[in-house]
Amino acid sequence: MASYYESKDLKLFGKIKDYDKELGTKFFDWYGEVFKEGALTAREKAIIALAVSHAVQCPYCIDAYTEDSLKHGFNKEQMMEAVHVAGAIRGGASLVHGVQMMNKVNKLEM
């Protein structure tokens, strides 16, 4: 195995129903509903999913939503910008917790 994550395993995702058919079916039904056209277009949902995939660091999702974003007409610059947005939010989420540290330091220094 060249890597812990094998891209071929993404094709096996549906097999999660083999271990719990009811919950697996509910998940895939819900997942399908989420990605249907609604207040957001399928195209908008593709680029959101690409950014979120990077934020949660899911290599399977990154592969799937890279392809999906390309199918929906996004170019590499737009896709990388979405990745940077995800990175900025992730970085900001780490840094904002610095306020907790600063509050603790200030309290202990009193």
Protein backbone atom coordinates (compact mmCIF):
# COMPACT_ATOMS: atom_id res chain seq x y z
CA MET A 1 0.00 0.00 0.00
CA ALA A 2 1.57 3.25 -1.14
CA SER A 3 -0.60 5.37 1.08
CA TYR A 4 -3.04 5.00 3.94
CA TYR A 5 -5.78 6.46 1.75
CA GLU A 6 -6.32 4.54 -1.47
CA SER A 7 -8.34 6.47 -4.04
CA LYS A 8 -9.98 3.22 -5.16
CA ASP A 9 -11.55 2.96 -1.71
CA LEU A 10 -13.84 5.90 -2.48
CA LYS A 11 -15.75 3.58 -4.81
CA LEU A 12 -16.40 1.33 -1.79
CA PHE A 13 -18.11 4.08 0.22
CA GLY A 14 -21.55 2.67 -0.54
CA LYS A 15 -20.54 -0.54 1.20
CA ILE A 16 -20.98 1.12 4.59
CA LYS A 17 -24.57 -0.07 4.23
CA ASP A 18 -23.27 -3.66 4.44
CA TYR A 19 -22.69 -3.15 8.16
CA ASP A 20 -25.87 -1.17 8.90
CA LYS A 21 -28.31 -1.04 6.01
CA GLU A 22 -30.86 1.21 7.72
CA LEU A 23 -28.46 3.93 8.85
CA GLY A 24 -26.40 3.71 5.65
CA THR A 25 -29.51 4.15 3.55
CA LYS A 26 -30.65 7.09 5.67
CA PHE A 27 -27.25 8.72 5.30
CA PHE A 28 -27.14 8.33 1.51
CA ASP A 29 -30.74 9.51 1.13
CA TRP A 30 -29.97 12.60 3.21
CA TYR A 31 -26.66 13.18 1.39
CA GLY A 32 -28.45 13.04 -1.95
CA GLU A 33 -31.05 15.54 -0.77
CA VAL A 34 -28.37 17.93 0.48
CA PHE A 35 -26.73 18.13 -2.95
CA LYS A 36 -29.96 18.69 -4.90
CA GLU A 37 -30.65 22.12 -6.34
CA GLY A 38 -32.27 24.35 -3.74
CA ALA A 39 -31.49 27.84 -2.50
CA LEU A 40 -27.97 27.03 -3.74
CA THR A 41 -27.18 25.60 -7.16
CA ALA A 42 -25.40 22.28 -7.59
CA ARG A 43 -22.46 24.33 -8.91
CA GLU A 44 -22.31 26.45 -5.75
CA LYS A 45 -22.56 23.35 -3.58
CA ALA A 46 -19.64 21.76 -5.48
CA ILE A 47 -17.20 24.56 -4.62
CA ILE A 48 -18.45 24.71 -1.03
CA ALA A 49 -17.91 20.97 -0.74
CA LEU A 50 -14.39 21.35 -2.17
CA ALA A 51 -13.51 23.98 0.42
CA VAL A 52 -15.05 22.01 3.29
CA SER A 53 -13.22 18.88 2.10
CA HIS A 54 -9.96 20.70 2.65
CA ALA A 55 -11.05 22.10 6.01
CA VAL A 56 -11.91 18.62 7.30
CA GLN A 57 -8.93 17.12 5.43
CA CYS A 58 -10.79 14.27 3.74
CA PRO A 59 -8.68 13.00 0.82
CA TYR A 60 -11.62 11.08 -0.62
CA CYS A 61 -13.79 14.20 -0.55
CA ILE A 62 -10.99 16.29 -2.03
CA ASP A 63 -10.74 13.87 -4.96
CA ALA A 64 -14.51 13.69 -5.45
CA TYR A 65 -15.19 17.42 -5.18
CA THR A 66 -12.17 18.38 -7.28
CA GLU A 67 -13.74 16.35 -10.08
CA ASP A 68 -17.20 17.72 -9.32
CA SER A 69 -15.95 21.32 -9.31
CA LEU A 70 -14.24 20.81 -12.66
CA LYS A 71 -17.45 19.28 -14.07
CA HIS A 72 -19.34 22.36 -12.90
CA GLY A 73 -16.97 24.65 -14.80
CA PHE A 74 -14.71 25.94 -12.05
CA ASN A 75 -11.12 26.60 -13.07
CA LYS A 76 -8.00 25.88 -11.05
CA GLU A 77 -7.68 29.50 -9.87
CA GLN A 78 -11.24 29.51 -8.50
CA MET A 79 -10.71 26.14 -6.88
CA MET A 80 -7.45 27.24 -5.22
CA GLU A 81 -9.14 30.41 -4.00
CA ALA A 82 -11.79 28.23 -2.33
CA VAL A 83 -9.00 26.18 -0.72
CA HIS A 84 -7.43 29.40 0.57
CA VAL A 85 -10.77 30.44 2.06
CA ALA A 86 -10.90 27.09 3.88
CA GLY A 87 -7.33 27.60 5.08
CA ALA A 88 -8.08 31.10 6.32
CA ILE A 89 -11.10 29.90 8.28
CA ARG A 90 -9.12 26.98 9.74
CA GLY A 91 -6.21 29.23 10.66
CA GLY A 92 -8.50 31.86 12.12
CA ALA A 93 -10.28 29.22 14.18
CA SER A 94 -6.96 28.21 15.70
CA LEU A 95 -5.86 31.79 16.31
CA VAL A 96 -9.14 32.96 17.84
CA HIS A 97 -8.61 30.35 20.56
CA GLY A 98 -5.56 32.40 21.47
CA VAL A 99 -8.02 34.73 23.20
CA GLN A 100 -8.66 31.94 25.70
CA MET A 101 -4.92 31.70 26.33
CA MET A 102 -4.59 35.47 26.67
CA ASN A 103 -7.50 35.58 29.14
CA LYS A 104 -5.87 32.82 31.20
CA VAL A 105 -2.48 34.57 31.18
CA ASN A 106 -4.08 37.86 32.21
CA LYS A 107 -5.97 36.15 35.03
CA LEU A 108 -2.85 34.36 36.30
CA GLU A 109 -0.74 37.52 36.16
CA MET A 110 -3.15 39.42 38.42
